Amino acid sequence: MPDGVRGALVQRVTTRHDGPLDVTWLAAETPKLPLGRIRLHWEPASRSGWNVTAHLGLASTEVHLASWLAAPDDWPRLVRPTLHEVTGLCAALAFATDALDLSNRLVEA
């Protein structure tokens, strides 16, 4: 990873099982992850492969989402299913929250 970054912010996860992950570098001074966003960090493993970690942004904190220790060189293919499921879940929860907020406003009106 380049100097001055704390990971890569996942922008998009393709639906294809072998599709790419679209990411942008996340500056080291970035205070916290946006709600529902995922940060990846990877570094060479001690013997071979890569140690990859994923963190998820929640309303008030970041949580450890998953780790893949000594992942092979094609690790994006390995982590993509988990990232795809989590981004889908976050989108569904955001939609449900918006629907409930709208429902509550209509009841109060």
PDB file of N, CA and C in Angstrom:
ATOM      1  N   MET A   1       0.850  -1.171   0.000  1.00  0.00           N
ATOM      2  CA  MET A   1       0.000   0.000   0.000  1.00  0.00           C
ATOM      3  C   MET A   1       0.895   1.233   0.000  1.00  0.00           C
ATOM      4  N   PRO A   2       0.445   2.272  -0.645  1.00  0.00           N
ATOM      5  CA  PRO A   2       1.243   3.502  -0.674  1.00  0.00           C
ATOM      6  C   PRO A   2       1.348   4.142   0.711  1.00  0.00           C
ATOM      7  N   ASP A   3       2.378   4.952   0.907  1.00  0.00           N
ATOM      8  CA  ASP A   3       2.510   5.709   2.150  1.00  0.00           C
ATOM      9  C   ASP A   3       1.344   6.686   2.271  1.00  0.00           C
ATOM     10  N   GLY A   4       0.928   6.947   3.501  1.00  0.00           N
ATOM     11  CA  GLY A   4      -0.107   7.939   3.744  1.00  0.00           C
ATOM     12  C   GLY A   4      -1.530   7.445   3.556  1.00  0.00           C
ATOM     13  N   VAL A   5      -1.729   6.143   3.412  1.00  0.00           N
ATOM     14  CA  VAL A   5      -3.093   5.616   3.307  1.00  0.00           C
ATOM     15  C   VAL A   5      -3.320   4.608   4.419  1.00  0.00           C
ATOM     16  N   ARG A   6      -4.576   4.448   4.792  1.00  0.00           N
ATOM     17  CA  ARG A   6      -4.901   3.452   5.820  1.00  0.00           C
ATOM     18  C   ARG A   6      -5.686   2.297   5.254  1.00  0.00           C
ATOM     19  N   GLY A   7      -5.861   2.304   3.950  1.00  0.00           N
ATOM     20  CA  GLY A   7      -6.568   1.211   3.296  1.00  0.00           C
ATOM     21  C   GLY A   7      -7.221   1.692   2.021  1.00  0.00           C
ATOM     22  N   ALA A   8      -8.068   0.841   1.501  1.00  0.00           N
ATOM     23  CA  ALA A   8      -8.788   1.150   0.269  1.00  0.00           C
ATOM     24  C   ALA A   8     -10.282   1.120   0.569  1.00  0.00           C
ATOM     25  N   LEU A   9     -10.977   2.165   0.168  1.00  0.00           N
ATOM     26  CA  LEU A   9     -12.416   2.255   0.356  1.00  0.00           C
ATOM     27  C   LEU A   9     -13.093   1.557  -0.817  1.00  0.00           C
ATOM     28  N   VAL A  10     -13.919   0.557  -0.515  1.00  0.00           N
ATOM     29  CA  VAL A  10     -14.608  -0.186  -1.565  1.00  0.00           C
ATOM     30  C   VAL A  10     -15.698   0.708  -2.147  1.00  0.00           C
ATOM     31  N   GLN A  11     -15.604   0.964  -3.445  1.00  0.00           N
ATOM     32  CA  GLN A  11     -16.591   1.802  -4.127  1.00  0.00           C
ATOM     33  C   GLN A  11     -17.717   0.965  -4.742  1.00  0.00           C
ATOM     34  N   ARG A  12     -17.314  -0.201  -5.297  1.00  0.00           N
ATOM     35  CA  ARG A  12     -18.309  -1.041  -5.979  1.00  0.00           C
ATOM     36  C   ARG A  12     -17.797  -2.473  -5.993  1.00  0.00           C
ATOM     37  N   VAL A  13     -18.726  -3.396  -5.831  1.00  0.00           N
ATOM     38  CA  VAL A  13     -18.413  -4.820  -5.926  1.00  0.00           C
ATOM     39  C   VAL A  13     -19.269  -5.373  -7.046  1.00  0.00           C
ATOM     40  N   THR A  14     -18.635  -5.895  -8.076  1.00  0.00           N
ATOM     41  CA  THR A  14     -19.392  -6.414  -9.207  1.00  0.00           C
ATOM     42  C   THR A  14     -20.165  -7.664  -8.804  1.00  0.00           C
ATOM     43  N   THR A  15     -21.206  -7.966  -9.551  1.00  0.00           N
ATOM     44  CA  THR A  15     -22.004  -9.158  -9.285  1.00  0.00           C
ATOM     45  C   THR A  15     -21.358 -10.405  -9.876  1.00  0.00           C
ATOM     46  N   ARG A  16     -20.429 -10.239 -10.783  1.00  0.00           N
ATOM     47  CA  ARG A  16     -19.740 -11.398 -11.379  1.00  0.00           C
ATOM     48  C   ARG A  16     -18.839 -12.050 -10.343  1.00  0.00           C
ATOM     49  N   HIS A  17     -18.827 -13.366 -10.304  1.00  0.00           N
ATOM     50  CA  HIS A  17     -18.013 -14.070  -9.302  1.00  0.00           C
ATOM     51  C   HIS A  17     -16.524 -13.813  -9.481  1.00  0.00           C
ATOM     52  N   ASP A  18     -16.102 -13.465 -10.684  1.00  0.00           N
ATOM     53  CA  ASP A  18     -14.684 -13.193 -10.938  1.00  0.00           C
ATOM     54  C   ASP A  18     -14.437 -11.726 -11.279  1.00  0.00           C
ATOM     55  N   GLY A  19     -15.435 -10.893 -10.986  1.00  0.00           N
ATOM     56  CA  GLY A  19     -15.341  -9.477 -11.331  1.00  0.00           C
ATOM     57  C   GLY A  19     -14.419  -8.700 -10.398  1.00  0.00           C
ATOM     58  N   PRO A  20     -14.030  -7.512 -10.837  1.00  0.00           N
ATOM     59  CA  PRO A  20     -13.096  -6.702 -10.045  1.00  0.00           C
ATOM     60  C   PRO A  20     -13.783  -6.000  -8.871  1.00  0.00           C
ATOM     61  N   LEU A  21     -12.959  -5.512  -7.968  1.00  0.00           N
ATOM     62  CA  LEU A  21     -13.406  -4.637  -6.896  1.00  0.00           C
ATOM     63  C   LEU A  21     -12.961  -3.226  -7.273  1.00  0.00           C
ATOM     64  N   ASP A  22     -13.863  -2.280  -7.259  1.00  0.00           N
ATOM     65  CA  ASP A  22     -13.500  -0.888  -7.510  1.00  0.00           C
ATOM     66  C   ASP A  22     -13.237  -0.227  -6.164  1.00  0.00           C
ATOM     67  N   VAL A  23     -12.012   0.275  -5.991  1.00  0.00           N
ATOM     68  CA  VAL A  23     -11.616   0.889  -4.725  1.00  0.00           C
ATOM     69  C   VAL A  23     -10.912   2.212  -4.978  1.00  0.00           C
ATOM     70  N   THR A  24     -10.884   3.036  -3.945  1.00  0.00           N
ATOM     71  CA  THR A  24     -10.063   4.245  -3.946  1.00  0.00           C
ATOM     72  C   THR A  24      -9.269   4.250  -2.650  1.00  0.00           C
ATOM     73  N   TRP A  25      -8.093   4.829  -2.698  1.00  0.00           N
ATOM     74  CA  TRP A  25      -7.262   4.893  -1.494  1.00  0.00           C
ATOM     75  C   TRP A  25      -7.943   5.759  -0.449  1.00  0.00           C
ATOM     76  N   LEU A  26      -7.827   5.364   0.795  1.00  0.00           N
ATOM     77  CA  LEU A  26      -8.396   6.097   1.916  1.00  0.00           C
ATOM     78  C   LEU A  26      -7.242   6.726   2.689  1.00  0.00           C
ATOM     79  N   ALA A  27      -7.205   8.038   2.725  1.00  0.00           N
ATOM     80  CA  ALA A  27      -6.104   8.751   3.361  1.00  0.00           C
ATOM     81  C   ALA A  27      -5.999   8.391   4.839  1.00  0.00           C
ATOM     82  N   ALA A  28      -4.778   8.357   5.333  1.00  0.00           N
ATOM     83  CA  ALA A  28      -4.525   7.981   6.731  1.00  0.00           C
ATOM     84  C   ALA A  28      -5.230   8.904   7.711  1.00  0.00           C
ATOM     85  N   GLU A  29      -5.397  10.177   7.358  1.00  0.00           N
ATOM     86  CA  GLU A  29      -6.017  11.121   8.291  1.00  0.00           C
ATOM     87  C   GLU A  29      -7.544  11.114   8.240  1.00  0.00           C
ATOM     88  N   THR A  30      -8.148  10.259   7.421  1.00  0.00           N
ATOM     89  CA  THR A  30      -9.600  10.160   7.369  1.00  0.00           C
ATOM     90  C   THR A  30     -10.115   9.711   8.730  1.00  0.00           C
ATOM     91  N   PRO A  31     -11.021  10.486   9.353  1.00  0.00           N
ATOM     92  CA  PRO A  31     -11.409  10.201  10.731  1.00  0.00           C
ATOM     93  C   PRO A  31     -12.130   8.867  10.927  1.00  0.00           C
ATOM     94  N   LYS A  32     -13.101   8.539  10.086  1.00  0.00           N
ATOM     95  CA  LYS A  32     -13.800   7.260  10.211  1.00  0.00           C
ATOM     96  C   LYS A  32     -14.476   6.921   8.893  1.00  0.00           C
ATOM     97  N   LEU A  33     -14.850   5.676   8.787  1.00  0.00           N
ATOM     98  CA  LEU A  33     -15.535   5.226   7.577  1.00  0.00           C
ATOM     99  C   LEU A  33     -16.959   5.763   7.536  1.00  0.00           C
ATOM    100  N   PRO A  34     -17.447   6.098   6.346  1.00  0.00           N
ATOM    101  CA  PRO A  34     -18.858   6.453   6.238  1.00  0.00           C
ATOM    102  C   PRO A  34     -19.743   5.243   6.556  1.00  0.00           C
ATOM    103  N   LEU A  35     -20.949   5.504   7.002  1.00  0.00           N
ATOM    104  CA  LEU A  35     -21.903   4.462   7.348  1.00  0.00           C
ATOM    105  C   LEU A  35     -22.100   3.488   6.186  1.00  0.00           C
ATOM    106  N   GLY A  36     -21.934   2.210   6.470  1.00  0.00           N
ATOM    107  CA  GLY A  36     -22.173   1.173   5.479  1.00  0.00           C
ATOM    108  C   GLY A  36     -21.048   0.959   4.479  1.00  0.00           C
ATOM    109  N   ARG A  37     -19.941   1.659   4.643  1.00  0.00           N
ATOM    110  CA  ARG A  37     -18.822   1.516   3.705  1.00  0.00           C
ATOM    111  C   ARG A  37     -17.785   0.553   4.268  1.00  0.00           C
ATOM    112  N   ILE A  38     -17.028  -0.040   3.365  1.00  0.00           N
ATOM    113  CA  ILE A  38     -16.047  -1.056   3.749  1.00  0.00           C
ATOM    114  C   ILE A  38     -14.651  -0.577   3.389  1.00  0.00           C
ATOM    115  N   ARG A  39     -13.730  -0.787   4.338  1.00  0.00           N
ATOM    116  CA  ARG A  39     -12.314  -0.487   4.120  1.00  0.00           C
ATOM    117  C   ARG A  39     -11.544  -1.793   4.098  1.00  0.00           C
ATOM    118  N   LEU A  40     -10.706  -1.948   3.086  1.00  0.00           N
ATOM    119  CA  LEU A  40      -9.816  -3.101   2.986  1.00  0.00           C
ATOM    120  C   LEU A  40      -8.388  -2.668   3.297  1.00  0.00           C
ATOM    121  N   HIS A  41      -7.671  -3.550   3.950  1.00  0.00           N
ATOM    122  CA  HIS A  41      -6.248  -3.337   4.188  1.00  0.00           C
ATOM    123  C   HIS A  41      -5.559  -4.664   3.918  1.00  0.00           C
ATOM    124  N   TRP A  42      -4.441  -4.618   3.207  1.00  0.00           N
ATOM    125  CA  TRP A  42      -3.702  -5.842   2.933  1.00  0.00           C
ATOM    126  C   TRP A  42      -2.214  -5.592   3.038  1.00  0.00           C
ATOM    127  N   GLU A  43      -1.530  -6.634   3.450  1.00  0.00           N
ATOM    128  CA  GLU A  43      -0.075  -6.583   3.580  1.00  0.00           C
ATOM    129  C   GLU A  43       0.455  -7.991   3.325  1.00  0.00           C
ATOM    130  N   PRO A  44       1.704  -8.103   2.929  1.00  0.00           N
ATOM    131  CA  PRO A  44       2.252  -9.435   2.682  1.00  0.00           C
ATOM    132  C   PRO A  44       2.192 -10.304   3.938  1.00  0.00           C
ATOM    133  N   ALA A  45       1.822 -11.560   3.760  1.00  0.00           N
ATOM    134  CA  ALA A  45       1.817 -12.521   4.870  1.00  0.00           C
ATOM    135  C   ALA A  45       3.250 -12.945   5.160  1.00  0.00           C
ATOM    136  N   SER A  46       3.487 -13.478   6.345  1.00  0.00           N
ATOM    137  CA  SER A  46       4.854 -13.811   6.749  1.00  0.00           C
ATOM    138  C   SER A  46       5.494 -14.877   5.858  1.00  0.00           C
ATOM    139  N   ARG A  47       4.734 -15.856   5.417  1.00  0.00           N
ATOM    140  CA  ARG A  47       5.330 -16.916   4.595  1.00  0.00           C
ATOM    141  C   ARG A  47       4.990 -16.782   3.127  1.00  0.00           C
ATOM    142  N   SER A  48       3.728 -16.595   2.829  1.00  0.00           N
ATOM    143  CA  SER A  48       3.315 -16.400   1.432  1.00  0.00           C
ATOM    144  C   SER A  48       1.919 -15.806   1.416  1.00  0.00           C
ATOM    145  N   GLY A  49       1.569 -15.206   0.304  1.00  0.00           N
ATOM    146  CA  GLY A  49       0.243 -14.629   0.155  1.00  0.00           C
ATOM    147  C   GLY A  49       0.105 -13.280   0.835  1.00  0.00           C
ATOM    148  N   TRP A  50      -1.129 -12.975   1.205  1.00  0.00           N
ATOM    149  CA  TRP A  50      -1.480 -11.665   1.750  1.00  0.00           C
ATOM    150  C   TRP A  50      -2.384 -11.819   2.955  1.00  0.00           C
ATOM    151  N   ASN A  51      -2.179 -10.979   3.957  1.00  0.00           N
ATOM    152  CA  ASN A  51      -3.115 -10.856   5.072  1.00  0.00           C
ATOM    153  C   ASN A  51      -4.045  -9.700   4.737  1.00  0.00           C
ATOM    154  N   VAL A  52      -5.322 -10.018   4.616  1.00  0.00           N
ATOM    155  CA  VAL A  52      -6.325  -9.031   4.206  1.00  0.00           C
ATOM    156  C   VAL A  52      -7.332  -8.879   5.337  1.00  0.00           C
ATOM    157  N   THR A  53      -7.670  -7.632   5.680  1.00  0.00           N
ATOM    158  CA  THR A  53      -8.708  -7.365   6.670  1.00  0.00           C
ATOM    159  C   THR A  53      -9.731  -6.410   6.076  1.00  0.00           C
ATOM    160  N   ALA A  54     -10.955  -6.554   6.551  1.00  0.00           N
ATOM    161  CA  ALA A  54     -12.043  -5.673   6.124  1.00  0.00           C
ATOM    162  C   ALA A  54     -12.705  -5.094   7.358  1.00  0.00           C
ATOM    163  N   HIS A  55     -12.989  -3.794   7.315  1.00  0.00           N
ATOM    164  CA  HIS A  55     -13.706  -3.105   8.384  1.00  0.00           C
ATOM    165  C   HIS A  55     -14.958  -2.469   7.789  1.00  0.00           C
ATOM    166  N   LEU A  56     -16.018  -2.412   8.583  1.00  0.00           N
ATOM    167  CA  LEU A  56     -17.290  -1.852   8.164  1.00  0.00           C
ATOM    168  C   LEU A  56     -17.593  -0.614   8.988  1.00  0.00           C
ATOM    169  N   GLY A  57     -18.010   0.461   8.319  1.00  0.00           N
ATOM    170  CA  GLY A  57     -18.392   1.682   9.006  1.00  0.00           C
ATOM    171  C   GLY A  57     -19.817   1.606   9.517  1.00  0.00           C
ATOM    172  N   LEU A  58     -19.975   1.839  10.812  1.00  0.00           N
ATOM    173  CA  LEU A  58     -21.297   1.921  11.423  1.00  0.00           C
ATOM    174  C   LEU A  58     -21.551   3.371  11.836  1.00  0.00           C
ATOM    175  N   ALA A  59     -22.690   3.632  12.429  1.00  0.00           N
ATOM    176  CA  ALA A  59     -23.060   5.008  12.744  1.00  0.00           C
ATOM    177  C   ALA A  59     -22.038   5.705  13.631  1.00  0.00           C
ATOM    178  N   SER A  60     -21.495   5.005  14.625  1.00  0.00           N
ATOM    179  CA  SER A  60     -20.591   5.672  15.553  1.00  0.00           C
ATOM    180  C   SER A  60     -19.199   5.058  15.622  1.00  0.00           C
ATOM    181  N   THR A  61     -18.946   4.000  14.876  1.00  0.00           N
ATOM    182  CA  THR A  61     -17.648   3.336  14.974  1.00  0.00           C
ATOM    183  C   THR A  61     -17.372   2.493  13.734  1.00  0.00           C
ATOM    184  N   GLU A  62     -16.203   1.907  13.694  1.00  0.00           N
ATOM    185  CA  GLU A  62     -15.852   0.908  12.691  1.00  0.00           C
ATOM    186  C   GLU A  62     -15.778  -0.436  13.393  1.00  0.00           C
ATOM    187  N   VAL A  63     -16.202  -1.489  12.705  1.00  0.00           N
ATOM    188  CA  VAL A  63     -16.099  -2.830  13.270  1.00  0.00           C
ATOM    189  C   VAL A  63     -15.298  -3.718  12.328  1.00  0.00           C
ATOM    190  N   HIS A  64     -14.621  -4.677  12.929  1.00  0.00           N
ATOM    191  CA  HIS A  64     -13.877  -5.659  12.150  1.00  0.00           C
ATOM    192  C   HIS A  64     -14.887  -6.572  11.480  1.00  0.00           C
ATOM    193  N   LEU A  65     -14.851  -6.622  10.178  1.00  0.00           N
ATOM    194  CA  LEU A  65     -15.804  -7.421   9.415  1.00  0.00           C
ATOM    195  C   LEU A  65     -15.266  -8.826   9.154  1.00  0.00           C
ATOM    196  N   ALA A  66     -14.029  -8.924   8.691  1.00  0.00           N
ATOM    197  CA  ALA A  66     -13.461 -10.234   8.363  1.00  0.00           C
ATOM    198  C   ALA A  66     -11.961 -10.121   8.183  1.00  0.00           C
ATOM    199  N   SER A  67     -11.295 -11.270   8.286  1.00  0.00           N
ATOM    200  CA  SER A  67      -9.862 -11.377   8.001  1.00  0.00           C
ATOM    201  C   SER A  67      -9.627 -12.607   7.147  1.00  0.00           C
ATOM    202  N   TRP A  68      -8.720 -12.481   6.227  1.00  0.00           N
ATOM    203  CA  TRP A  68      -8.285 -13.599   5.397  1.00  0.00           C
ATOM    204  C   TRP A  68      -6.772 -13.654   5.533  1.00  0.00           C
ATOM    205  N   LEU A  69      -6.281 -14.631   6.283  1.00  0.00           N
ATOM    206  CA  LEU A  69      -4.850 -14.742   6.536  1.00  0.00           C
ATOM    207  C   LEU A  69      -4.189 -15.597   5.469  1.00  0.00           C
ATOM    208  N   ALA A  70      -3.025 -15.157   5.008  1.00  0.00           N
ATOM    209  CA  ALA A  70      -2.256 -15.865   3.984  1.00  0.00           C
ATOM    210  C   ALA A  70      -3.110 -16.168   2.749  1.00  0.00           C
ATOM    211  N   ALA A  71      -3.907 -15.191   2.346  1.00  0.00           N
ATOM    212  CA  ALA A  71      -4.739 -15.354   1.150  1.00  0.00           C
ATOM    213  C   ALA A  71      -3.842 -15.414  -0.084  1.00  0.00           C
ATOM    214  N   PRO A  72      -4.259 -16.129  -1.109  1.00  0.00           N
ATOM    215  CA  PRO A  72      -3.439 -16.224  -2.318  1.00  0.00           C
ATOM    216  C   PRO A  72      -3.386 -14.892  -3.061  1.00  0.00           C
ATOM    217  N   ASP A  73      -2.526 -14.830  -4.057  1.00  0.00           N
ATOM    218  CA  ASP A  73      -2.355 -13.590  -4.813  1.00  0.00           C
ATOM    219  C   ASP A  73      -3.649 -13.090  -5.456  1.00  0.00           C
ATOM    220  N   ASP A  74      -4.565 -13.981  -5.769  1.00  0.00           N
ATOM    221  CA  ASP A  74      -5.845 -13.545  -6.350  1.00  0.00           C
ATOM    222  C   ASP A  74      -6.893 -13.325  -5.247  1.00  0.00           C
ATOM    223  N   TRP A  75      -6.446 -12.762  -4.102  1.00  0.00           N
ATOM    224  CA  TRP A  75      -7.322 -12.570  -2.948  1.00  0.00           C
ATOM    225  C   TRP A  75      -8.577 -11.749  -3.237  1.00  0.00           C
ATOM    226  N   PRO A  76      -8.589 -10.789  -4.192  1.00  0.00           N
ATOM    227  CA  PRO A  76      -9.864 -10.093  -4.433  1.00  0.00           C
ATOM    228  C   PRO A  76     -10.994 -11.053  -4.816  1.00  0.00           C
ATOM    229  N   ARG A  77     -10.664 -12.106  -5.520  1.00  0.00           N
ATOM    230  CA  ARG A  77     -11.679 -13.102  -5.885  1.00  0.00           C
ATOM    231  C   ARG A  77     -12.194 -13.826  -4.639  1.00  0.00           C
ATOM    232  N   LEU A  78     -11.325 -14.039  -3.672  1.00  0.00           N
ATOM    233  CA  LEU A  78     -11.691 -14.719  -2.431  1.00  0.00           C
ATOM    234  C   LEU A  78     -12.604 -13.851  -1.563  1.00  0.00           C
ATOM    235  N   VAL A  79     -12.319 -12.566  -1.453  1.00  0.00           N
ATOM    236  CA  VAL A  79     -13.071 -11.696  -0.539  1.00  0.00           C
ATOM    237  C   VAL A  79     -14.337 -11.120  -1.174  1.00  0.00           C
ATOM    238  N   ARG A  80     -14.431 -11.136  -2.504  1.00  0.00           N
ATOM    239  CA  ARG A  80     -15.552 -10.520  -3.204  1.00  0.00           C
ATOM    240  C   ARG A  80     -16.926 -11.012  -2.746  1.00  0.00           C
ATOM    241  N   PRO A  81     -17.155 -12.331  -2.548  1.00  0.00           N
ATOM    242  CA  PRO A  81     -18.494 -12.750  -2.109  1.00  0.00           C
ATOM    243  C   PRO A  81     -18.918 -12.134  -0.774  1.00  0.00           C
ATOM    244  N   THR A  82     -18.018 -12.065   0.177  1.00  0.00           N
ATOM    245  CA  THR A  82     -18.347 -11.460   1.472  1.00  0.00           C
ATOM    246  C   THR A  82     -18.664  -9.980   1.308  1.00  0.00           C
ATOM    247  N   LEU A  83     -17.829  -9.268   0.556  1.00  0.00           N
ATOM    248  CA  LEU A  83     -18.065  -7.840   0.347  1.00  0.00           C
ATOM    249  C   LEU A  83     -19.379  -7.592  -0.383  1.00  0.00           C
ATOM    250  N   HIS A  84     -19.689  -8.427  -1.364  1.00  0.00           N
ATOM    251  CA  HIS A  84     -20.939  -8.284  -2.123  1.00  0.00           C
ATOM    252  C   HIS A  84     -22.143  -8.468  -1.203  1.00  0.00           C
ATOM    253  N   GLU A  85     -22.111  -9.481  -0.352  1.00  0.00           N
ATOM    254  CA  GLU A  85     -23.221  -9.729   0.557  1.00  0.00           C
ATOM    255  C   GLU A  85     -23.393  -8.593   1.563  1.00  0.00           C
ATOM    256  N   VAL A  86     -22.299  -8.104   2.110  1.00  0.00           N
ATOM    257  CA  VAL A  86     -22.380  -7.047   3.119  1.00  0.00           C
ATOM    258  C   VAL A  86     -22.863  -5.736   2.499  1.00  0.00           C
ATOM    259  N   THR A  87     -22.376  -5.383   1.316  1.00  0.00           N
ATOM    260  CA  THR A  87     -22.850  -4.146   0.682  1.00  0.00           C
ATOM    261  C   THR A  87     -24.331  -4.249   0.336  1.00  0.00           C
ATOM    262  N   GLY A  88     -24.774  -5.434  -0.084  1.00  0.00           N
ATOM    263  CA  GLY A  88     -26.197  -5.633  -0.361  1.00  0.00           C
ATOM    264  C   GLY A  88     -27.039  -5.499   0.900  1.00  0.00           C
ATOM    265  N   LEU A  89     -26.558  -6.062   1.993  1.00  0.00           N
ATOM    266  CA  LEU A  89     -27.264  -5.965   3.266  1.00  0.00           C
ATOM    267  C   LEU A  89     -27.337  -4.511   3.736  1.00  0.00           C
ATOM    268  N   CYS A  90     -26.247  -3.788   3.625  1.00  0.00           N
ATOM    269  CA  CYS A  90     -26.237  -2.378   4.033  1.00  0.00           C
ATOM    270  C   CYS A  90     -27.208  -1.550   3.193  1.00  0.00           C
ATOM    271  N   ALA A  91     -27.262  -1.816   1.893  1.00  0.00           N
ATOM    272  CA  ALA A  91     -28.189  -1.096   1.016  1.00  0.00           C
ATOM    273  C   ALA A  91     -29.635  -1.413   1.399  1.00  0.00           C
ATOM    274  N   ALA A  92     -29.919  -2.671   1.697  1.00  0.00           N
ATOM    275  CA  ALA A  92     -31.272  -3.057   2.094  1.00  0.00           C
ATOM    276  C   ALA A  92     -31.669  -2.409   3.421  1.00  0.00           C
ATOM    277  N   LEU A  93     -30.738  -2.374   4.369  1.00  0.00           N
ATOM    278  CA  LEU A  93     -31.034  -1.731   5.655  1.00  0.00           C
ATOM    279  C   LEU A  93     -31.253  -0.228   5.502  1.00  0.00           C
ATOM    280  N   ALA A  94     -30.471   0.412   4.641  1.00  0.00           N
ATOM    281  CA  ALA A  94     -30.659   1.850   4.394  1.00  0.00           C
ATOM    282  C   ALA A  94     -32.025   2.108   3.768  1.00  0.00           C
ATOM    283  N   PHE A  95     -32.430   1.265   2.817  1.00  0.00           N
ATOM    284  CA  PHE A  95     -33.736   1.410   2.179  1.00  0.00           C
ATOM    285  C   PHE A  95     -34.854   1.223   3.206  1.00  0.00           C
ATOM    286  N   ALA A  96     -34.747   0.189   4.047  1.00  0.00           N
ATOM    287  CA  ALA A  96     -35.767  -0.070   5.068  1.00  0.00           C
ATOM    288  C   ALA A  96     -35.849   1.086   6.063  1.00  0.00           C
ATOM    289  N   THR A  97     -34.706   1.637   6.441  1.00  0.00           N
ATOM    290  CA  THR A  97     -34.687   2.775   7.367  1.00  0.00           C
ATOM    291  C   THR A  97     -35.377   3.978   6.750  1.00  0.00           C
ATOM    292  N   ASP A  98     -35.094   4.263   5.480  1.00  0.00           N
ATOM    293  CA  ASP A  98     -35.750   5.378   4.793  1.00  0.00           C
ATOM    294  C   ASP A  98     -37.261   5.161   4.717  1.00  0.00           C
ATOM    295  N   ALA A  99     -37.690   3.930   4.443  1.00  0.00           N
ATOM    296  CA  ALA A  99     -39.116   3.622   4.359  1.00  0.00           C
ATOM    297  C   ALA A  99     -39.793   3.822   5.715  1.00  0.00           C
ATOM    298  N   LEU A 100     -39.130   3.388   6.779  1.00  0.00           N
ATOM    299  CA  LEU A 100     -39.704   3.585   8.121  1.00  0.00           C
ATOM    300  C   LEU A 100     -39.769   5.056   8.491  1.00  0.00           C
ATOM    301  N   ASP A 101     -38.743   5.811   8.142  1.00  0.00           N
ATOM    302  CA  ASP A 101     -38.758   7.257   8.415  1.00  0.00           C
ATOM    303  C   ASP A 101     -39.908   7.926   7.672  1.00  0.00           C
ATOM    304  N   LEU A 102     -40.106   7.580   6.410  1.00  0.00           N
ATOM    305  CA  LEU A 102     -41.191   8.136   5.623  1.00  0.00           C
ATOM    306  C   LEU A 102     -42.537   7.755   6.245  1.00  0.00           C
ATOM    307  N   SER A 103     -42.674   6.502   6.631  1.00  0.00           N
ATOM    308  CA  SER A 103     -43.920   6.033   7.251  1.00  0.00           C
ATOM    309  C   SER A 103     -44.211   6.813   8.526  1.00  0.00           C
ATOM    310  N   ASN A 104     -43.201   7.021   9.344  1.00  0.00           N
ATOM    311  CA  ASN A 104     -43.386   7.776  10.589  1.00  0.00           C
ATOM    312  C   ASN A 104     -43.786   9.226  10.316  1.00  0.00           C
ATOM    313  N   ARG A 105     -43.198   9.828   9.290  1.00  0.00           N
ATOM    314  CA  ARG A 105     -43.563  11.212   8.951  1.00  0.00           C
ATOM    315  C   ARG A 105     -45.014  11.281   8.457  1.00  0.00           C
ATOM    316  N   LEU A 106     -45.458  10.294   7.693  1.00  0.00           N
ATOM    317  CA  LEU A 106     -46.831  10.293   7.193  1.00  0.00           C
ATOM    318  C   LEU A 106     -47.826  10.105   8.322  1.00  0.00           C
ATOM    319  N   VAL A 107     -47.488   9.287   9.314  1.00  0.00           N
ATOM    320  CA  VAL A 107     -48.374   9.067  10.449  1.00  0.00           C
ATOM    321  C   VAL A 107     -48.505  10.343  11.283  1.00  0.00           C
ATOM    322  N   GLU A 108     -47.388  11.076  11.415  1.00  0.00           N
ATOM    323  CA  GLU A 108     -47.406  12.304  12.215  1.00  0.00           C
ATOM    324  C   GLU A 108     -48.119  13.444  11.510  1.00  0.00           C
ATOM    325  N   ALA A 109     -48.251  13.368  10.208  1.00  0.00           N
ATOM    326  CA  ALA A 109     -48.839  14.473   9.445  1.00  0.00           C
ATOM    327  C   ALA A 109     -50.324  14.560   9.583  1.00  0.00           C
TER     328      ALA A 109
END
